[in-house]
Amino acid sequence: MPVFAYDAIDANGQKISREVNASSKDDAIKQIRAQGLRPTKVQVKAAKPAPAAGGAKKKKGLILFDRVKQAQIVTFTSQLSTLQDAGLPIVRSVKILEGQQRPGKFKDQLAAVSDDVEQGSTFSEALAKFPKSFDKLYVSMVKAGEAGGVLDVILNRLAGFMEKSQKLKKKVKGAMIYPAAVITVAVVILIFIMIYVVPSFEAMFKDLGQKLPAPTQILLSTSQTLRGYWYLIPGIPFIFWMLMKSVTRSEKGKLALDRLKLKLPVFGVIIKKSSVSRFCRTLGTLISSGVPILEALKIVKDAIGNLVISNAIEEVHGSIREGDTIAGPLRASGIFDELLVNMIDVGEETGELDKMLIKIADNYETDVDVAVEGMSSLLEPMLIVGMGGVVGFIVIALFLPLIEIIKNIK
């Protein structure tokens, strides 16, 4: 009979390493659990590393550009919640969902997760090995669900949270597509006019031999610059991207940029409201799932994506650790409006902070929807006026010399 070496955690939380005779790995795990121990690693003695290590090696050989999409995580979480609610073991549930995935990175990750859980690791520990797919928020909620024996409920709640977050991101990104497309097409058309159309007028103006008006001189100088350095135009977005990267590399630069984002007209309101909504929904979901408030705030701080708001949350974390309330530091930060702070204050007093945070998040998401629609309605006429102004300047600049010629002829 094979001998299995194992590591396990006893009732006192101490790690122990022993051996057991068993006919199979499953039999060994049953024997270990029968002793009141929680196995963390089980493998045949003097054998090569267990399948988990193989899974890790397989993960390294994945295609570099095979990125796990957020939609895949949402679908997996929702389906896993249903399977857990039906009473299926977690290993079998993960294997069923793994079989439904297309060959790729996510399928390999689920295979490694099921192998780890089969060897005695908890589901949250197995997920934590893939932080790019399952972030701290995800792992912490799963861990809380395992501790409370309500993993199916937590997974369902987590799927709902992720769906709402994804929906909000899509709305904000969708609102940016139209103006970005219009501006791109407009820039391409203007560059074409400046490089190919304006030079024909320039040759005609030279033949006339008269002094050109200031707008015409500006237009011709711009056209000459674009013709002389046209090869630099494709590099402008890259230079801008590199500049942004260098600014955000330091904490001061990132803080200044994030502060600027919040002060932008129209866009700043949307960024601020969406960030506050994410803060409230994430914190409310974590608290309602049983995650301790200090740990929840730490997770939320890393998940917000705006350093100004993250620093405000850091102040809240320090305040609670010293026995203070959440509302006070939020009010002092100046980022969160008075209505939000008062609602959180009421939630703390009534002991229903999680429900109040979810309600605030719903209200802010509604505000974001209204702001996005308003921005879309406002940007369209602004783009039309802007394009009309540029085209009008070009037309006036080109025709001013012709008007002067007509006057001279008369």
Protein backbone atom coordinates (compact mmCIF):
# COMPACT_ATOMS: atom_id res chain seq x y z
CA MET A 1 0.00 0.00 0.00
CA PRO A 2 1.43 3.43 -0.94
CA VAL A 3 2.67 5.78 1.76
CA PHE A 4 1.45 9.38 1.53
CA ALA A 5 3.33 12.28 3.12
CA TYR A 6 1.07 15.18 4.08
CA ASP A 7 1.01 18.61 5.67
CA ALA A 8 -2.09 19.55 7.68
CA ILE A 9 -3.50 22.10 10.14
CA ASP A 10 -4.76 20.83 13.49
CA ALA A 11 -7.60 22.22 15.65
CA ASN A 12 -5.22 24.72 17.28
CA GLY A 13 -4.10 26.10 13.92
CA GLN A 14 -0.67 24.44 14.14
CA LYS A 15 0.97 23.01 11.03
CA ILE A 16 1.98 19.34 11.24
CA SER A 17 3.73 16.98 8.78
CA ARG A 18 3.07 13.22 8.95
CA GLU A 19 2.61 10.09 6.85
CA VAL A 20 -0.33 7.77 6.27
CA ASN A 21 -0.85 4.45 4.48
CA ALA A 22 -3.72 4.58 2.00
CA SER A 23 -4.85 2.94 -1.22
CA SER A 24 -5.30 6.27 -3.00
CA LYS A 25 -4.98 10.00 -2.48
CA ASP A 26 -8.72 10.34 -1.81
CA ASP A 27 -8.49 7.62 0.84
CA ALA A 28 -5.50 9.40 2.42
CA ILE A 29 -7.43 12.70 2.58
CA LYS A 30 -10.41 10.93 4.21
CA GLN A 31 -8.14 9.40 6.85
CA ILE A 32 -6.49 12.76 7.56
CA ARG A 33 -9.83 14.54 7.93
CA ALA A 34 -11.13 11.76 10.16
CA GLN A 35 -8.38 12.70 12.62
CA GLY A 36 -9.79 16.24 12.84
CA LEU A 37 -7.04 17.70 10.65
CA ARG A 38 -7.30 19.92 7.61
CA PRO A 39 -4.88 18.69 4.88
CA THR A 40 -3.01 21.35 2.90
CA LYS A 41 -0.69 19.07 0.93
CA VAL A 42 -0.89 15.34 0.20
CA GLN A 43 1.47 13.41 -2.08
CA VAL A 44 2.98 9.94 -2.49
CA LYS A 45 6.19 9.68 -0.52
CA ALA A 46 9.39 10.02 -2.59
CA ALA A 47 7.33 10.97 -5.62
CA LYS A 48 7.60 14.05 -7.82
CA PRO A 49 5.60 17.13 -6.88
CA ALA A 50 1.86 16.73 -6.94
CA PRO A 51 -0.31 17.80 -9.90
CA ALA A 52 -0.55 21.35 -8.50
CA ALA A 53 3.08 21.93 -9.40
CA GLY A 54 2.42 20.55 -12.87
CA GLY A 55 -0.50 22.95 -13.13
CA ALA A 56 1.79 25.83 -12.21
CA LYS A 57 4.31 24.79 -14.87
CA LYS A 58 1.54 24.53 -17.40
CA LYS A 59 0.45 28.03 -16.49
CA LYS A 60 3.90 29.40 -17.40
CA GLY A 61 3.67 27.87 -20.84
CA LEU A 62 0.45 29.68 -21.68
CA ILE A 63 0.20 32.03 -24.60
CA LEU A 64 1.29 35.49 -23.45
CA PHE A 65 -1.60 37.29 -25.12
CA ASP A 66 -4.29 34.91 -23.83
CA ARG A 67 -5.80 37.23 -21.22
CA VAL A 68 -8.68 36.16 -18.98
CA LYS A 69 -11.66 38.44 -19.65
CA GLN A 70 -13.79 39.85 -16.85
CA ALA A 71 -16.91 38.45 -18.54
CA GLN A 72 -15.46 34.93 -18.17
CA ILE A 73 -14.97 35.45 -14.43
CA VAL A 74 -18.52 36.79 -14.02
CA THR A 75 -20.07 33.84 -15.90
CA PHE A 76 -17.94 31.33 -13.99
CA THR A 77 -18.92 32.86 -10.62
CA SER A 78 -22.63 32.88 -11.45
CA GLN A 79 -22.60 29.26 -12.66
CA LEU A 80 -20.50 28.11 -9.69
CA SER A 81 -23.01 29.72 -7.34
CA THR A 82 -25.82 27.71 -8.97
CA LEU A 83 -23.87 24.44 -8.72
CA GLN A 84 -23.01 25.10 -5.05
CA ASP A 85 -26.66 25.90 -4.30
CA ALA A 86 -27.55 22.51 -5.85
CA GLY A 87 -25.25 20.83 -3.30
CA LEU A 88 -22.41 19.66 -5.58
CA PRO A 89 -18.90 19.37 -4.07
CA ILE A 90 -16.65 22.29 -4.93
CA VAL A 91 -14.11 20.14 -6.81
CA ARG A 92 -16.77 18.59 -9.02
CA SER A 93 -18.35 22.01 -9.63
CA VAL A 94 -15.03 23.53 -10.74
CA LYS A 95 -14.29 20.53 -12.99
CA ILE A 96 -17.71 20.80 -14.64
CA LEU A 97 -17.15 24.48 -15.38
CA GLU A 98 -13.58 23.79 -16.50
CA GLY A 99 -14.96 21.34 -19.08
CA GLN A 100 -17.19 24.09 -20.49
CA GLN A 101 -14.29 26.48 -21.10
CA ARG A 102 -12.47 26.82 -24.39
CA PRO A 103 -8.79 25.80 -24.39
CA GLY A 104 -6.78 28.69 -23.00
CA LYS A 105 -5.47 30.39 -19.91
CA PHE A 106 -8.69 30.36 -17.87
CA LYS A 107 -9.29 26.65 -18.51
CA ASP A 108 -5.75 25.84 -17.32
CA GLN A 109 -6.22 27.99 -14.23
CA LEU A 110 -9.45 26.18 -13.30
CA ALA A 111 -7.67 22.83 -13.78
CA ALA A 112 -4.92 23.95 -11.38
CA VAL A 113 -7.55 25.21 -8.87
CA SER A 114 -9.43 21.89 -8.88
CA ASP A 115 -6.13 19.98 -8.43
CA ASP A 116 -5.16 22.16 -5.44
CA VAL A 117 -8.55 21.74 -3.77
CA GLU A 118 -8.41 17.99 -4.39
CA GLN A 119 -5.10 17.89 -2.52
CA GLY A 120 -6.61 19.59 0.51
CA SER A 121 -6.22 23.33 -0.12
CA THR A 122 -9.21 25.53 0.49
CA PHE A 123 -10.96 27.03 -2.53
CA SER A 124 -9.86 30.57 -1.59
CA GLU A 125 -6.22 29.46 -1.22
CA ALA A 126 -6.32 27.87 -4.67
CA LEU A 127 -7.85 30.99 -6.24
CA ALA A 128 -5.26 33.24 -4.56
CA LYS A 129 -2.53 31.70 -6.75
CA PHE A 130 -4.01 33.57 -9.75
CA PRO A 131 -4.27 37.20 -8.55
CA LYS A 132 -4.66 38.62 -12.07
CA SER A 133 -7.87 36.63 -12.56
CA PHE A 134 -9.15 36.49 -8.96
CA ASP A 135 -8.23 39.70 -7.11
CA LYS A 136 -8.10 40.31 -3.34
CA LEU A 137 -11.77 41.28 -3.27
CA TYR A 138 -12.79 38.00 -4.90
CA VAL A 139 -10.56 35.82 -2.72
CA SER A 140 -11.58 37.59 0.52
CA MET A 141 -15.28 37.14 -0.18
CA VAL A 142 -14.81 33.46 -1.04
CA LYS A 143 -12.79 33.02 2.15
CA ALA A 144 -15.60 34.64 4.17
CA GLY A 145 -18.14 32.36 2.47
CA GLU A 146 -16.10 29.28 3.33
CA ALA A 147 -15.75 30.36 6.96
CA GLY A 148 -19.50 31.00 7.30
CA GLY A 149 -20.60 27.96 5.31
CA VAL A 150 -22.51 30.14 2.86
CA LEU A 151 -20.27 29.94 -0.20
CA ASP A 152 -23.21 29.69 -2.61
CA VAL A 153 -24.76 32.90 -1.22
CA ILE A 154 -21.44 34.76 -1.32
CA LEU A 155 -20.73 33.64 -4.90
CA ASN A 156 -24.17 34.79 -5.99
CA ARG A 157 -23.60 38.14 -4.29
CA LEU A 158 -20.14 38.39 -5.84
CA ALA A 159 -21.50 37.65 -9.33
CA GLY A 160 -24.13 40.39 -8.91
CA PHE A 161 -21.48 42.84 -7.73
CA MET A 162 -19.20 42.08 -10.67
CA GLU A 163 -22.07 42.37 -13.18
CA LYS A 164 -23.01 45.82 -11.85
CA SER A 165 -19.38 47.00 -11.85
CA GLN A 166 -18.89 45.75 -15.41
CA LYS A 167 -22.12 47.42 -16.53
CA LEU A 168 -21.01 50.76 -15.06
CA LYS A 169 -17.60 50.55 -16.76
CA LYS A 170 -19.23 49.74 -20.11
CA LYS A 171 -21.54 52.76 -19.83
CA VAL A 172 -18.66 55.15 -19.12
CA LYS A 173 -16.47 53.64 -21.87
CA GLY A 174 -19.40 53.56 -24.30
CA ALA A 175 -19.99 57.26 -23.77
CA MET A 176 -16.38 57.94 -24.75
CA ILE A 177 -16.46 55.95 -28.00
CA TYR A 178 -18.55 58.45 -30.00
CA PRO A 179 -16.51 61.60 -29.25
CA ALA A 180 -13.23 59.67 -29.65
CA ALA A 181 -14.34 58.36 -33.07
CA VAL A 182 -15.53 61.79 -34.23
CA ILE A 183 -12.33 63.52 -33.07
CA THR A 184 -10.15 60.87 -34.75
CA VAL A 185 -11.96 61.17 -38.09
CA ALA A 186 -11.90 64.98 -37.85
CA VAL A 187 -8.14 65.03 -37.18
CA VAL A 188 -7.47 62.69 -40.13
CA ILE A 189 -9.54 64.91 -42.45
CA LEU A 190 -7.83 68.09 -41.25
CA ILE A 191 -4.37 66.57 -41.71
CA PHE A 192 -5.34 65.56 -45.27
CA ILE A 193 -6.54 69.12 -46.02
CA MET A 194 -3.39 70.67 -44.55
CA ILE A 195 -1.01 68.35 -46.43
CA TYR A 196 -2.73 67.98 -49.84
CA VAL A 197 -5.27 70.81 -50.29
CA VAL A 198 -3.64 73.89 -48.74
CA PRO A 199 -0.35 73.57 -50.75
CA SER A 200 -2.23 74.12 -54.04
CA PHE A 201 -3.50 77.45 -52.68
CA GLU A 202 -0.01 78.29 -51.42
CA ALA A 203 1.43 78.02 -54.95
CA MET A 204 -1.30 80.30 -56.26
CA PHE A 205 -0.68 82.89 -53.54
CA LYS A 206 3.04 82.97 -54.39
CA ASP A 207 2.22 83.75 -58.04
CA LEU A 208 0.11 86.71 -56.91
CA GLY A 209 3.10 88.24 -55.12
CA GLN A 210 1.09 90.21 -52.57
CA LYS A 211 1.23 90.35 -48.78
CA LEU A 212 -0.99 87.70 -47.18
CA PRO A 213 -3.32 88.31 -44.22
CA ALA A 214 -2.26 86.98 -40.79
CA PRO A 215 -4.78 84.04 -40.72
CA THR A 216 -3.52 82.87 -44.12
CA GLN A 217 0.10 83.07 -43.01
CA ILE A 218 -0.70 81.01 -39.89
CA LEU A 219 -2.51 78.41 -42.00
CA LEU A 220 0.32 78.14 -44.53
CA SER A 221 2.96 77.88 -41.77
CA THR A 222 0.99 75.08 -40.11
CA SER A 223 0.66 73.28 -43.45
CA GLN A 224 4.40 73.56 -44.10
CA THR A 225 5.20 72.20 -40.62
CA LEU A 226 2.89 69.21 -41.11
CA ARG A 227 4.35 68.47 -44.55
CA GLY A 228 7.89 68.72 -43.24
CA TYR A 229 7.35 66.54 -40.16
CA TRP A 230 4.43 64.30 -41.20
CA TYR A 231 6.33 61.20 -40.10
CA LEU A 232 6.16 62.40 -36.47
CA ILE A 233 2.34 62.45 -36.43
CA PRO A 234 1.88 58.69 -35.72
CA GLY A 235 4.36 59.02 -32.84
CA ILE A 236 2.35 61.72 -31.04
CA PRO A 237 -0.03 59.23 -29.28
CA PHE A 238 2.98 57.10 -28.29
CA ILE A 239 4.83 60.15 -26.91
CA PHE A 240 1.71 61.17 -24.98
CA TRP A 241 1.38 57.62 -23.59
CA MET A 242 5.05 57.58 -22.53
CA LEU A 243 4.62 60.98 -20.88
CA MET A 244 1.62 59.73 -18.90
CA LYS A 245 3.56 56.64 -17.87
CA SER A 246 6.50 58.68 -16.62
CA VAL A 247 4.17 61.01 -14.67
CA THR A 248 2.29 58.14 -13.00
CA ARG A 249 5.51 56.31 -12.12
CA SER A 250 5.93 58.46 -9.02
CA GLU A 251 3.28 58.71 -6.32
CA LYS A 252 3.29 62.53 -6.47
CA GLY A 253 2.74 62.49 -10.24
CA LYS A 254 -0.08 59.96 -10.01
CA LEU A 255 -1.70 61.93 -7.19
CA ALA A 256 -1.54 65.15 -9.23
CA LEU A 257 -2.98 63.43 -12.29
CA ASP A 258 -5.81 61.78 -10.33
CA ARG A 259 -6.61 65.13 -8.69
CA LEU A 260 -6.73 66.73 -12.15
CA LYS A 261 -9.11 64.02 -13.39
CA LEU A 262 -11.57 64.82 -10.60
CA LYS A 263 -11.49 68.54 -11.51
CA LEU A 264 -12.11 68.10 -15.25
CA PRO A 265 -15.33 69.70 -16.50
CA VAL A 266 -18.10 67.12 -17.10
CA PHE A 267 -15.66 64.17 -17.12
CA GLY A 268 -14.52 64.90 -13.55
CA VAL A 269 -18.06 64.53 -12.21
CA ILE A 270 -18.47 61.17 -13.93
CA ILE A 271 -15.08 59.89 -12.71
CA LYS A 272 -15.80 61.02 -9.15
CA LYS A 273 -19.32 59.57 -8.99
CA SER A 274 -18.27 56.25 -10.55
CA SER A 275 -15.30 55.96 -8.13
CA VAL A 276 -17.49 56.74 -5.09
CA SER A 277 -20.11 54.27 -6.34
CA ARG A 278 -17.41 51.58 -6.66
CA PHE A 279 -16.18 52.39 -3.15
CA CYS A 280 -19.66 52.09 -1.59
CA ARG A 281 -20.68 48.94 -3.47
CA THR A 282 -17.37 47.16 -2.85
CA LEU A 283 -17.28 48.04 0.86
CA GLY A 284 -20.97 47.20 1.33
CA THR A 285 -20.58 43.83 -0.41
CA LEU A 286 -17.51 42.92 1.64
CA ILE A 287 -19.12 43.89 4.99
CA SER A 288 -22.35 42.02 4.19
CA SER A 289 -20.24 38.96 3.29
CA GLY A 290 -18.63 38.92 6.75
CA VAL A 291 -15.25 40.42 5.90
CA PRO A 292 -13.88 42.47 8.86
CA ILE A 293 -14.20 46.23 8.34
CA LEU A 294 -10.44 46.95 8.49
CA GLU A 295 -9.61 44.23 5.98
CA ALA A 296 -12.52 45.37 3.78
CA LEU A 297 -11.23 48.96 3.74
CA LYS A 298 -7.76 47.75 2.81
CA ILE A 299 -9.17 45.78 -0.14
CA VAL A 300 -11.35 48.71 -1.25
CA LYS A 301 -8.37 51.09 -1.10
CA ASP A 302 -6.47 48.94 -3.61
CA ALA A 303 -9.50 48.47 -5.86
CA ILE A 304 -10.60 52.12 -6.31
CA GLY A 305 -8.00 53.14 -8.92
CA ASN A 306 -7.87 56.82 -7.89
CA LEU A 307 -5.10 57.82 -5.49
CA VAL A 308 -6.98 60.84 -4.10
CA ILE A 309 -9.92 58.69 -3.00
CA SER A 310 -7.55 55.88 -1.90
CA ASN A 311 -5.78 58.30 0.46
CA ALA A 312 -9.15 59.33 1.92
CA ILE A 313 -9.96 55.64 2.52
CA GLU A 314 -6.55 55.22 4.17
CA GLU A 315 -7.53 57.97 6.61
CA VAL A 316 -10.78 56.11 7.34
CA HIS A 317 -8.80 52.91 7.97
CA GLY A 318 -6.57 54.66 10.51
CA SER A 319 -9.55 56.33 12.16
CA ILE A 320 -11.44 53.06 12.68
CA ARG A 321 -8.32 51.34 13.97
CA GLU A 322 -8.20 54.03 16.67
CA GLY A 323 -11.85 53.48 17.52
CA ASP A 324 -13.39 56.36 15.56
CA THR A 325 -16.24 56.28 13.00
CA ILE A 326 -16.18 56.09 9.20
CA ALA A 327 -18.19 59.25 8.59
CA GLY A 328 -15.73 61.67 10.26
CA PRO A 329 -12.67 61.09 8.04
CA LEU A 330 -14.88 60.93 4.92
CA ARG A 331 -16.30 64.36 5.75
CA ALA A 332 -12.82 65.77 6.44
CA SER A 333 -11.46 64.55 3.07
CA GLY A 334 -13.72 66.97 1.15
CA ILE A 335 -14.22 64.41 -1.64
CA PHE A 336 -17.44 62.82 -0.42
CA ASP A 337 -20.53 65.05 -0.36
CA GLU A 338 -22.52 65.74 2.80
CA LEU A 339 -25.52 63.56 1.85
CA LEU A 340 -23.29 60.49 1.41
CA VAL A 341 -21.50 61.12 4.72
CA ASN A 342 -24.80 61.55 6.57
CA MET A 343 -26.22 58.33 5.09
CA ILE A 344 -23.09 56.42 6.16
CA ASP A 345 -23.36 57.99 9.62
CA VAL A 346 -26.97 56.78 9.89
CA GLY A 347 -25.90 53.32 8.68
CA GLU A 348 -23.27 53.12 11.43
CA GLU A 349 -25.74 54.20 14.11
CA THR A 350 -28.43 51.72 13.03
CA GLY A 351 -25.99 48.83 12.49
CA GLU A 352 -26.97 48.50 8.82
CA LEU A 353 -23.93 50.05 7.23
CA ASP A 354 -23.73 47.42 4.47
CA LYS A 355 -27.33 48.04 3.31
CA MET A 356 -26.84 51.80 3.42
CA LEU A 357 -23.64 51.56 1.35
CA ILE A 358 -25.39 49.45 -1.31
CA LYS A 359 -28.25 51.98 -1.41
CA ILE A 360 -25.76 54.85 -1.83
CA ALA A 361 -24.03 52.94 -4.64
CA ASP A 362 -27.38 52.48 -6.44
CA ASN A 363 -28.09 56.21 -6.16
CA TYR A 364 -24.66 57.16 -7.45
CA GLU A 365 -24.91 54.73 -10.38
CA THR A 366 -28.18 56.43 -11.34
CA ASP A 367 -26.38 59.78 -11.14
CA VAL A 368 -23.61 58.40 -13.36
CA ASP A 369 -26.18 57.26 -15.95
CA VAL A 370 -27.73 60.74 -16.00
CA ALA A 371 -24.29 62.40 -16.19
CA VAL A 372 -23.18 60.11 -19.05
CA GLU A 373 -26.35 60.85 -21.02
CA GLY A 374 -25.92 64.56 -20.34
CA MET A 375 -22.29 64.42 -21.45
CA SER A 376 -23.24 62.64 -24.67
CA SER A 377 -25.90 65.27 -25.39
CA LEU A 378 -23.45 68.09 -24.62
CA LEU A 379 -20.47 66.71 -26.53
CA GLU A 380 -22.30 66.35 -29.83
CA PRO A 381 -23.04 70.08 -30.33
CA MET A 382 -19.62 70.98 -28.88
CA LEU A 383 -17.87 68.76 -31.43
CA ILE A 384 -19.98 70.20 -34.24
CA VAL A 385 -19.18 73.77 -33.17
CA GLY A 386 -15.48 72.91 -32.75
CA MET A 387 -15.25 71.28 -36.16
CA GLY A 388 -17.21 74.13 -37.71
CA GLY A 389 -14.82 76.65 -36.13
CA VAL A 390 -11.71 74.90 -37.49
CA VAL A 391 -13.17 74.42 -40.98
CA GLY A 392 -14.42 78.02 -40.94
CA PHE A 393 -10.95 79.29 -40.05
CA ILE A 394 -9.41 77.32 -42.95
CA VAL A 395 -12.00 78.60 -45.42
CA ILE A 396 -11.64 82.23 -44.26
CA ALA A 397 -7.83 82.00 -44.28
CA LEU A 398 -7.85 80.67 -47.86
CA PHE A 399 -10.37 83.12 -49.24
CA LEU A 400 -9.13 86.35 -47.59
CA PRO A 401 -6.36 86.82 -50.23
CA LEU A 402 -8.89 86.11 -53.00
CA ILE A 403 -11.21 88.79 -51.59
CA GLU A 404 -8.30 91.25 -51.60
CA ILE A 405 -7.59 90.40 -55.26
CA ILE A 406 -11.23 91.00 -56.20
CA LYS A 407 -11.18 94.37 -54.41
CA ASN A 408 -8.01 95.40 -56.26
CA ILE A 409 -9.49 94.42 -59.60
CA LYS A 410 -12.59 96.55 -58.91
